[in-house]
Amino acid sequence: MRRAVLNVVGLTARDLASGRMPRLAARAAAGSLARVRPAFPAVTCVAQSTYLTGATPSGHGVVANGWADRDLAEVHFWKQSNRLVGGEKLWETLRARRPGLRVANCFWWYNLGSSVDLAVTPRPIYRADGAKLLDIASWPPDLAGRIKRDLWDFPFGAFWGPYAGLDSSQWIADCARWIERHERPDLHLVYLPHLDYDLQRHGPDSPEADLARAEVDTLACRLADDLEREGVEVTILSEYGITAVDRAVLPNRLLRERGWLVAKDERGHEVLDTFHSAAFAVCDHQVAHVHVRDPARLPEVRAALAALPGVGRVLGEAEQRAEGLWHERSGDLLLVADARSWFAYPYWMDDARAPDFARTVDIHRKPGYDPCELLVDPAVPFPWLRVLVFLLLKKLGFRALLKLTPLDPGLIRGSHGRVPENSLDWPVLIEPRKGLPETLAATEVRDRLAAGF
């Protein structure tokens, strides 16, 4: 048996029931569909780690897409080392049953240093002169070059940023076809992120979201059909559902107003001082890990944040332990947004003093997730001209910043991270065979993926 798992990010039971994705709905009707109670927090790195280990964050250690390292006093987002994920991975379990089983990971996260046989992942090259070259990395090392010779370069600008869209998912699908033709893995993990973009930018009820649904419905099913013709059994999986939001909550500004968060001046720009801040929040969609340096101050900080409009729950250590969330990477407090809200990272009080990276696509430097990177600032006249000037300066060897990201988090219309009350907004698992239960816990997905090997 050979199996591919297509991770169609953002796909929900509501999408399939709506008639807006008829091909995927037909697959579900011909086989079986389970609504998956999402991993919590319901964000990419947690969801994938839970699916592949069967553990909660307390077990695998992935508490969000980013975390604050207490020893280094640094916030880390979108790190890629597989060593960050504790527990036995799905393929490691399967190899014990079936020695020699070959595994390919095509763009699922934590792909560097993984024990899979074939890995392809986005990985810029950072030059000593400050240049950043957008590229992919692979294992074996020559795999990326072989793929790019046939498919050309990965369209990184379509993977994240204001021009993120269908082209990146199309390239990943073509990459999966290439791997199938040349390598024929037994287990093939494929990441298709297209729904993630417009559902956050414009909201899940927007015309743009419906267009994205139609595009990914065609893309995913064509890939599934092609893989099935090669004798591969295809499972469709998603990580979370994106729901409508209309309020951005800024916990760091509240902490700043109370005098607990410290920002240092760097030549006219304010940068978060994690060393000297009594409290700061690492914001990630609809959750935020809050780090409080002095335990005696915890009740006061907790009470202040609990009263902030848009905060649905505040979990301390005891509550996090009870829900399988507590880990050394966890915040002392975990904020969970209400159904219509999400958490934005800004800590500065005056946009004129925002750090230079705030107006750019910079997923590693920001001390929080910033979906505004998906947008072009409406206040920027002729943004295409700014792009052309930026590219020209880079071509001539100058350093430059492409400042297109708006600073207004109120522009975002969709988010995820909390567990939606309505199971129609949960992610799904679709198998070609009958027999799935109506609902599954995220920790149970691993056993379903392992079945049959």
Protein backbone atom coordinates (compact mmCIF):
# COMPACT_ATOMS: atom_id res chain seq x y z
CA MET A 1 0.00 0.00 0.00
CA ARG A 2 1.07 3.57 -0.75
CA ARG A 3 -0.68 6.64 0.66
CA ALA A 4 -0.61 10.39 0.09
CA VAL A 5 -2.00 12.84 2.63
CA LEU A 6 -3.04 16.13 1.03
CA ASN A 7 -3.18 18.85 3.67
CA VAL A 8 -5.76 21.28 2.25
CA VAL A 9 -5.30 24.06 4.78
CA GLY A 10 -8.49 25.78 5.93
CA LEU A 11 -10.91 23.19 4.50
CA THR A 12 -13.96 22.70 6.76
CA ALA A 13 -17.12 20.64 6.94
CA ARG A 14 -19.03 23.85 6.21
CA ASP A 15 -17.18 24.25 2.90
CA LEU A 16 -18.10 20.74 1.83
CA ALA A 17 -21.75 21.13 2.86
CA SER A 18 -22.14 24.48 1.09
CA GLY A 19 -21.88 23.25 -2.48
CA ARG A 20 -18.93 25.57 -3.11
CA MET A 21 -16.42 22.71 -3.38
CA PRO A 22 -18.30 20.02 -5.33
CA ARG A 23 -15.35 17.81 -6.28
CA LEU A 24 -14.06 17.44 -2.74
CA ALA A 25 -17.62 16.98 -1.51
CA ALA A 26 -18.09 14.17 -4.04
CA ARG A 27 -14.92 12.51 -2.74
CA ALA A 28 -16.27 12.70 0.79
CA ALA A 29 -19.61 11.23 -0.31
CA ALA A 30 -17.93 8.36 -2.17
CA GLY A 31 -15.70 7.56 0.80
CA SER A 32 -16.13 8.82 4.34
CA LEU A 33 -15.76 12.11 6.18
CA ALA A 34 -14.92 12.92 9.79
CA ARG A 35 -15.02 16.31 11.39
CA VAL A 36 -11.81 16.73 13.38
CA ARG A 37 -11.96 18.54 16.69
CA PRO A 38 -8.94 20.71 16.01
CA ALA A 39 -5.68 20.64 17.86
CA PHE A 40 -5.44 23.51 20.30
CA PRO A 41 -4.11 26.06 19.64
CA ALA A 42 -5.55 25.52 16.16
CA VAL A 43 -2.55 26.81 14.23
CA THR A 44 -0.29 25.18 11.65
CA CYS A 45 2.66 24.01 13.72
CA VAL A 46 0.53 22.65 16.56
CA ALA A 47 -1.92 20.91 14.23
CA GLN A 48 0.73 19.18 12.14
CA SER A 49 2.75 18.13 15.20
CA THR A 50 -0.39 16.71 16.83
CA TYR A 51 -1.39 14.81 13.69
CA LEU A 52 2.06 13.27 13.27
CA THR A 53 2.71 12.34 16.93
CA GLY A 54 -0.76 11.79 18.39
CA ALA A 55 0.27 14.00 21.32
CA THR A 56 -0.87 17.36 22.66
CA PRO A 57 1.50 20.34 23.08
CA SER A 58 2.48 19.06 26.54
CA GLY A 59 3.84 15.96 24.81
CA HIS A 60 5.31 17.20 21.53
CA GLY A 61 6.32 20.66 22.80
CA VAL A 62 4.92 22.77 19.95
CA VAL A 63 2.81 25.38 21.74
CA ALA A 64 2.14 27.70 18.77
CA ASN A 65 3.80 28.82 15.53
CA GLY A 66 6.20 30.77 17.73
CA TRP A 67 7.38 30.95 21.30
CA ALA A 68 9.60 33.01 23.60
CA ASP A 69 12.85 31.38 24.70
CA ARG A 70 13.26 32.32 28.35
CA ASP A 71 17.03 31.77 28.42
CA LEU A 72 17.79 33.76 25.30
CA ALA A 73 14.96 36.27 25.87
CA GLU A 74 14.16 35.95 22.16
CA VAL A 75 10.92 35.27 20.32
CA HIS A 76 11.17 32.58 17.65
CA PHE A 77 8.61 32.20 14.86
CA TRP A 78 8.44 29.69 12.02
CA LYS A 79 11.53 27.70 12.95
CA GLN A 80 11.95 24.60 10.83
CA SER A 81 14.00 22.06 12.78
CA ASN A 82 12.22 18.75 13.27
CA ARG A 83 14.10 18.39 16.56
CA LEU A 84 11.69 20.89 18.06
CA VAL A 85 8.93 18.27 17.86
CA GLY A 86 9.00 15.66 20.61
CA GLY A 87 7.53 12.18 20.37
CA GLU A 88 7.65 9.42 17.81
CA LYS A 89 6.60 10.57 14.35
CA LEU A 90 4.04 8.71 12.27
CA TRP A 91 6.58 7.41 9.78
CA GLU A 92 8.91 6.21 12.52
CA THR A 93 6.10 4.09 13.92
CA LEU A 94 5.27 2.75 10.45
CA ARG A 95 8.89 1.82 9.74
CA ALA A 96 8.89 -0.38 12.83
CA ARG A 97 6.00 -2.29 11.25
CA ARG A 98 7.33 -2.15 7.71
CA PRO A 99 11.11 -1.77 7.44
CA GLY A 100 12.22 0.10 4.35
CA LEU A 101 9.08 2.23 4.13
CA ARG A 102 9.95 5.39 2.17
CA VAL A 103 8.49 8.74 3.20
CA ALA A 104 8.32 12.08 1.37
CA ASN A 105 7.44 15.39 3.03
CA CYS A 106 6.46 18.05 0.52
CA PHE A 107 6.20 21.36 2.41
CA TRP A 108 4.71 20.18 5.70
CA TRP A 109 6.43 22.15 8.45
CA TYR A 110 9.38 21.11 10.68
CA ASN A 111 10.93 19.47 7.66
CA LEU A 112 14.61 20.27 8.25
CA GLY A 113 16.59 17.47 9.84
CA SER A 114 13.59 15.18 9.70
CA SER A 115 13.98 11.41 9.50
CA VAL A 116 11.95 11.22 6.28
CA ASP A 117 13.65 9.92 3.13
CA LEU A 118 12.68 12.85 0.89
CA ALA A 119 12.08 16.42 2.04
CA VAL A 120 11.27 19.63 0.18
CA THR A 121 10.68 22.82 2.13
CA PRO A 122 10.81 26.62 1.63
CA ARG A 123 14.16 27.94 2.85
CA PRO A 124 15.65 31.33 1.91
CA ILE A 125 19.41 31.69 1.59
CA TYR A 126 20.82 34.48 3.77
CA ARG A 127 24.03 35.98 2.39
CA ALA A 128 26.71 37.69 4.46
CA ASP A 129 26.00 41.02 2.73
CA GLY A 130 22.41 40.99 4.01
CA ALA A 131 20.88 39.68 0.79
CA LYS A 132 18.04 37.17 1.06
CA LEU A 133 17.62 34.76 -1.83
CA LEU A 134 14.26 33.01 -1.94
CA ASP A 135 14.77 29.29 -2.43
CA ILE A 136 13.88 25.79 -1.28
CA ALA A 137 15.91 23.23 0.64
CA SER A 138 15.74 19.46 0.32
CA TRP A 139 16.91 16.10 1.48
CA PRO A 140 18.83 14.58 -0.18
CA PRO A 141 20.60 17.87 -0.95
CA ASP A 142 20.50 17.39 -4.72
CA LEU A 143 16.75 16.80 -4.77
CA ALA A 144 15.91 20.52 -4.89
CA GLY A 145 18.12 21.07 -7.92
CA ARG A 146 16.64 18.10 -9.75
CA ILE A 147 13.11 19.35 -9.10
CA LYS A 148 13.88 22.95 -10.09
CA ARG A 149 15.46 21.84 -13.34
CA ASP A 150 12.08 20.45 -14.35
CA LEU A 151 9.69 22.83 -12.56
CA TRP A 152 11.72 26.05 -12.40
CA ASP A 153 12.04 28.02 -9.19
CA PHE A 154 9.46 27.88 -6.44
CA PRO A 155 7.27 31.05 -6.60
CA PHE A 156 8.09 32.25 -3.10
CA GLY A 157 6.17 35.50 -3.50
CA ALA A 158 2.99 33.48 -3.99
CA PHE A 159 3.64 31.42 -0.83
CA TRP A 160 3.48 34.32 1.63
CA GLY A 161 3.08 38.08 1.44
CA PRO A 162 0.70 40.45 -0.33
CA TYR A 163 0.80 38.44 -3.55
CA ALA A 164 0.32 35.02 -1.95
CA GLY A 165 -2.03 32.93 -4.04
CA LEU A 166 -2.68 29.91 -6.21
CA ASP A 167 0.73 29.70 -7.91
CA SER A 168 2.52 28.39 -4.80
CA SER A 169 0.01 25.59 -4.22
CA GLN A 170 0.13 24.73 -7.93
CA TRP A 171 3.93 24.46 -7.78
CA ILE A 172 3.73 22.25 -4.67
CA ALA A 173 1.18 20.03 -6.42
CA ASP A 174 3.49 19.74 -9.43
CA CYS A 175 6.37 18.99 -7.06
CA ALA A 176 4.31 16.18 -5.53
CA ARG A 177 3.67 14.78 -9.00
CA TRP A 178 7.40 14.97 -9.74
CA ILE A 179 8.26 13.10 -6.54
CA GLU A 180 5.67 10.46 -7.33
CA ARG A 181 7.04 9.91 -10.84
CA HIS A 182 10.69 9.78 -9.84
CA GLU A 183 10.71 8.45 -6.27
CA ARG A 184 7.42 6.60 -5.61
CA PRO A 185 7.29 7.04 -1.81
CA ASP A 186 5.09 4.83 0.34
CA LEU A 187 3.86 7.75 2.46
CA HIS A 188 3.69 11.21 0.88
CA LEU A 189 2.77 14.32 2.88
CA VAL A 190 1.71 17.27 0.68
CA TYR A 191 0.86 20.79 1.89
CA LEU A 192 -1.62 22.91 -0.12
CA PRO A 193 -2.00 26.33 1.59
CA HIS A 194 -4.11 28.24 -0.91
CA LEU A 195 -7.27 28.68 1.21
CA ASP A 196 -5.22 30.24 4.01
CA TYR A 197 -4.72 33.53 2.21
CA ASP A 198 -7.96 35.09 1.05
CA LEU A 199 -9.98 33.69 3.96
CA GLN A 200 -7.73 35.71 6.29
CA ARG A 201 -7.44 38.74 4.01
CA HIS A 202 -11.08 39.11 3.07
CA GLY A 203 -12.97 36.79 5.42
CA PRO A 204 -14.53 33.35 4.83
CA ASP A 205 -17.79 34.83 3.50
CA SER A 206 -16.18 37.01 0.83
CA PRO A 207 -16.33 36.57 -2.96
CA GLU A 208 -12.52 36.21 -2.92
CA ALA A 209 -12.82 33.30 -0.50
CA ASP A 210 -15.35 31.57 -2.77
CA LEU A 211 -12.99 31.93 -5.72
CA ALA A 212 -10.18 30.41 -3.65
CA ARG A 213 -12.43 27.52 -2.69
CA ALA A 214 -13.20 26.80 -6.33
CA GLU A 215 -9.51 26.98 -7.24
CA VAL A 216 -8.33 24.64 -4.50
CA ASP A 217 -11.26 22.27 -5.14
CA THR A 218 -9.96 21.81 -8.69
CA LEU A 219 -6.28 21.79 -7.73
CA ALA A 220 -6.53 19.24 -4.92
CA CYS A 221 -8.82 16.88 -6.81
CA ARG A 222 -6.71 16.92 -9.97
CA LEU A 223 -3.67 16.06 -7.88
CA ALA A 224 -5.60 13.33 -6.08
CA ASP A 225 -6.77 11.88 -9.41
CA ASP A 226 -3.21 11.86 -10.76
CA LEU A 227 -1.84 10.14 -7.67
CA GLU A 228 -4.60 7.56 -7.69
CA ARG A 229 -3.78 6.67 -11.29
CA GLU A 230 -0.32 5.75 -9.98
CA GLY A 231 -1.84 3.39 -7.42
CA VAL A 232 -1.69 5.77 -4.45
CA GLU A 233 -4.50 5.92 -1.90
CA VAL A 234 -5.29 9.59 -1.22
CA THR A 235 -6.42 11.00 2.12
CA ILE A 236 -7.56 14.62 2.37
CA LEU A 237 -6.86 16.40 5.65
CA SER A 238 -7.02 19.96 6.95
CA GLU A 239 -5.59 21.72 9.99
CA TYR A 240 -8.21 24.24 11.12
CA GLY A 241 -11.12 26.33 9.96
CA ILE A 242 -10.90 30.08 9.41
CA THR A 243 -13.82 32.03 10.85
CA ALA A 244 -14.87 35.65 10.46
CA VAL A 245 -13.40 38.27 12.80
CA ASP A 246 -14.01 41.98 13.16
CA ARG A 247 -11.85 42.95 16.13
CA ALA A 248 -8.07 42.99 16.56
CA VAL A 249 -7.01 42.83 20.21
CA LEU A 250 -3.62 44.33 21.14
CA PRO A 251 -2.56 42.92 24.52
CA ASN A 252 0.96 44.33 24.24
CA ARG A 253 -0.35 47.87 24.12
CA LEU A 254 -2.29 47.28 27.31
CA LEU A 255 0.87 45.89 28.92
CA ARG A 256 2.76 48.95 27.67
CA GLU A 257 0.17 51.32 29.11
CA ARG A 258 0.46 49.60 32.49
CA GLY A 259 4.23 50.01 32.43
CA TRP A 260 4.93 46.28 32.25
CA LEU A 261 6.18 46.13 28.66
CA VAL A 262 9.38 47.98 27.82
CA ALA A 263 10.36 49.15 24.33
CA LYS A 264 13.86 50.41 23.61
CA ASP A 265 14.72 53.14 21.13
CA GLU A 266 16.83 52.10 18.16
CA ARG A 267 17.52 55.25 16.13
CA GLY A 268 13.96 56.47 16.25
CA HIS A 269 12.28 53.06 16.09
CA GLU A 270 10.88 51.14 19.06
CA VAL A 271 11.91 47.50 19.54
CA LEU A 272 10.46 45.18 22.16
CA ASP A 273 12.85 44.75 25.09
CA THR A 274 12.22 41.17 26.18
CA PHE A 275 15.03 41.32 28.75
CA HIS A 276 13.54 44.09 30.86
CA SER A 277 9.80 43.78 30.18
CA ALA A 278 7.86 42.60 33.22
CA ALA A 279 5.29 41.10 30.83
CA PHE A 280 4.82 40.75 27.09
CA ALA A 281 2.58 38.71 24.80
CA VAL A 282 3.61 36.46 21.90
CA CYS A 283 0.53 36.79 19.70
CA ASP A 284 -0.42 34.05 17.26
CA HIS A 285 -3.79 34.33 15.54
CA GLN A 286 -6.46 33.77 18.23
CA VAL A 287 -4.08 32.82 21.03
CA ALA A 288 -1.30 34.68 22.82
CA HIS A 289 1.32 33.31 25.20
CA VAL A 290 2.01 35.92 27.88
CA HIS A 291 5.34 35.81 29.70
CA VAL A 292 5.46 37.39 33.16
CA ARG A 293 8.92 37.77 34.69
CA ASP A 294 7.86 38.07 38.35
CA PRO A 295 5.41 35.34 39.50
CA ALA A 296 4.09 37.66 42.21
CA ARG A 297 2.73 39.93 39.46
CA LEU A 298 0.77 37.17 37.72
CA PRO A 299 -2.63 37.84 39.38
CA GLU A 300 -2.47 41.53 38.50
CA VAL A 301 -1.46 40.89 34.89
CA ARG A 302 -4.07 38.18 34.53
CA ALA A 303 -6.86 40.39 35.81
CA ALA A 304 -5.89 43.24 33.48
CA LEU A 305 -5.80 41.01 30.40
CA ALA A 306 -9.01 39.18 31.30
CA ALA A 307 -10.83 42.54 31.27
CA LEU A 308 -9.54 43.42 27.79
CA PRO A 309 -12.43 43.38 25.25
CA GLY A 310 -12.06 40.42 22.89
CA VAL A 311 -10.33 38.13 25.40
CA GLY A 312 -12.48 35.04 25.85
CA ARG A 313 -10.38 33.01 28.31
CA VAL A 314 -7.16 33.33 30.28
CA LEU A 315 -5.41 30.08 31.17
CA GLY A 316 -2.75 29.90 33.85
CA GLU A 317 -0.41 26.99 34.45
CA ALA A 318 -3.05 24.84 36.14
CA GLU A 319 -5.58 25.32 33.34
CA GLN A 320 -2.94 24.70 30.68
CA ARG A 321 -1.87 21.48 32.39
CA ALA A 322 -5.47 20.30 32.53
CA GLU A 323 -5.86 20.82 28.78
CA GLY A 324 -2.54 19.24 27.78
CA LEU A 325 -0.97 22.58 26.88
CA TRP A 326 1.68 23.17 29.51
CA HIS A 327 5.29 22.96 28.37
CA GLU A 328 8.50 24.83 29.11
CA ARG A 329 7.85 26.89 25.96
CA SER A 330 4.37 27.93 27.13
CA GLY A 331 3.59 31.39 28.39
CA ASP A 332 2.77 31.87 32.06
CA LEU A 333 -0.66 32.85 30.79
CA LEU A 334 -2.41 31.77 27.61
CA LEU A 335 -4.98 34.16 26.16
CA VAL A 336 -7.77 32.80 23.96
CA ALA A 337 -9.81 35.22 21.87
CA ASP A 338 -13.57 35.29 21.68
CA ALA A 339 -15.23 34.12 18.47
CA ARG A 340 -15.01 37.47 16.64
CA SER A 341 -11.52 38.55 17.72
CA TRP A 342 -7.84 37.82 17.17
CA PHE A 343 -4.57 38.98 18.76
CA ALA A 344 -2.22 41.43 17.01
CA TYR A 345 1.37 41.85 18.16
CA PRO A 346 2.00 45.67 17.97
CA TYR A 347 3.44 47.19 21.14
CA TRP A 348 4.35 50.72 19.94
CA MET A 349 1.97 53.57 20.71
CA ASP A 350 2.88 55.80 17.74
CA ASP A 351 3.07 54.36 14.21
CA ALA A 352 5.82 56.84 13.39
CA ARG A 353 8.02 54.93 15.86
CA ALA A 354 7.13 51.45 14.64
CA PRO A 355 10.18 49.28 13.90
CA ASP A 356 11.29 49.19 10.27
CA PHE A 357 10.35 45.53 9.92
CA ALA A 358 6.70 46.26 10.86
CA ARG A 359 5.94 47.56 7.37
CA THR A 360 7.63 44.63 5.62
CA VAL A 361 7.14 40.90 5.22
CA ASP A 362 9.45 39.63 7.95
CA ILE A 363 8.14 36.47 9.59
CA HIS A 364 11.19 35.87 11.80
CA ARG A 365 11.93 39.32 13.22
CA LYS A 366 8.43 40.20 14.39
CA PRO A 367 7.64 39.08 17.98
CA GLY A 368 4.27 37.75 16.83
CA TYR A 369 2.36 36.53 13.81
CA ASP A 370 1.32 39.33 11.43
CA PRO A 371 -1.43 38.50 8.91
CA CYS A 372 -1.24 42.09 7.66
CA GLU A 373 1.71 40.84 5.60
CA LEU A 374 -0.93 39.39 3.29
CA LEU A 375 -2.14 42.89 2.44
CA VAL A 376 -0.90 45.89 0.50
CA ASP A 377 -1.21 49.05 2.57
CA PRO A 378 -4.12 51.01 1.01
CA ALA A 379 -2.32 54.23 1.96
CA VAL A 380 0.59 53.43 -0.38
CA PRO A 381 0.07 55.09 -3.78
CA PHE A 382 1.11 53.06 -6.84
CA PRO A 383 2.41 50.02 -4.91
CA TRP A 384 3.56 48.37 -8.13
CA LEU A 385 5.91 51.30 -8.67
CA ARG A 386 7.36 50.81 -5.20
CA VAL A 387 7.94 47.14 -6.06
CA LEU A 388 9.74 48.06 -9.29
CA VAL A 389 12.00 50.56 -7.50
CA PHE A 390 12.76 47.98 -4.81
CA LEU A 391 13.69 45.34 -7.39
CA LEU A 392 15.86 47.81 -9.30
CA LEU A 393 17.75 48.82 -6.14
CA LYS A 394 18.31 45.16 -5.26
CA LYS A 395 19.52 44.47 -8.80
CA LEU A 396 22.03 47.30 -8.49
CA GLY A 397 23.33 45.86 -5.23
CA PHE A 398 21.74 48.33 -2.82
CA ARG A 399 20.02 47.37 0.41
CA ALA A 400 16.34 48.27 0.45
CA LEU A 401 13.09 47.53 2.29
CA LEU A 402 9.82 46.83 0.52
CA LYS A 403 7.40 48.66 2.80
CA LEU A 404 3.94 47.55 1.70
CA THR A 405 2.55 46.01 4.92
CA PRO A 406 -0.16 48.08 6.61
CA LEU A 407 0.01 48.76 10.34
CA ASP A 408 -3.77 48.59 10.83
CA PRO A 409 -4.68 45.09 12.11
CA GLY A 410 -8.35 46.01 11.78
CA LEU A 411 -8.08 45.21 8.07
CA ILE A 412 -7.97 41.44 8.74
CA ARG A 413 -11.29 39.63 8.29
CA GLY A 414 -10.57 35.97 9.12
CA SER A 415 -8.61 34.09 11.76
CA HIS A 416 -8.19 30.79 13.61
CA GLY A 417 -6.59 29.37 16.73
CA ARG A 418 -9.50 28.86 19.12
CA VAL A 419 -11.74 25.79 18.84
CA PRO A 420 -14.98 26.87 17.11
CA GLU A 421 -18.18 25.94 18.93
CA ASN A 422 -19.86 24.77 15.70
CA SER A 423 -18.29 21.59 14.33
CA LEU A 424 -19.10 22.77 10.79
CA ASP A 425 -16.11 25.08 11.25
CA TRP A 426 -13.77 22.25 12.23
CA PRO A 427 -11.17 20.74 9.88
CA VAL A 428 -11.94 17.45 8.17
CA LEU A 429 -10.46 14.08 7.32
CA ILE A 430 -11.64 12.43 4.08
CA GLU A 431 -10.78 8.83 3.29
CA PRO A 432 -11.62 6.88 0.10
CA ARG A 433 -12.92 4.00 2.24
CA LYS A 434 -16.05 3.89 4.37
CA GLY A 435 -15.80 3.62 8.12
CA LEU A 436 -14.76 6.98 9.55
CA PRO A 437 -16.64 8.07 12.68
CA GLU A 438 -18.60 11.32 12.57
CA THR A 439 -15.95 13.12 14.62
CA LEU A 440 -12.33 12.53 15.60
CA ALA A 441 -10.00 14.24 18.04
CA ALA A 442 -6.86 15.69 16.46
CA THR A 443 -4.82 13.24 18.55
CA GLU A 444 -6.66 10.35 16.87
CA VAL A 445 -5.75 11.37 13.32
CA ARG A 446 -2.32 9.73 13.55
CA ASP A 447 -3.87 6.27 14.03
CA ARG A 448 -6.16 6.78 11.05
CA LEU A 449 -3.21 7.76 8.86
CA ALA A 450 -1.31 4.71 10.04
CA ALA A 451 -4.15 2.27 9.28
CA GLY A 452 -3.46 -0.20 6.50
CA PHE A 453 0.33 -0.06 6.43
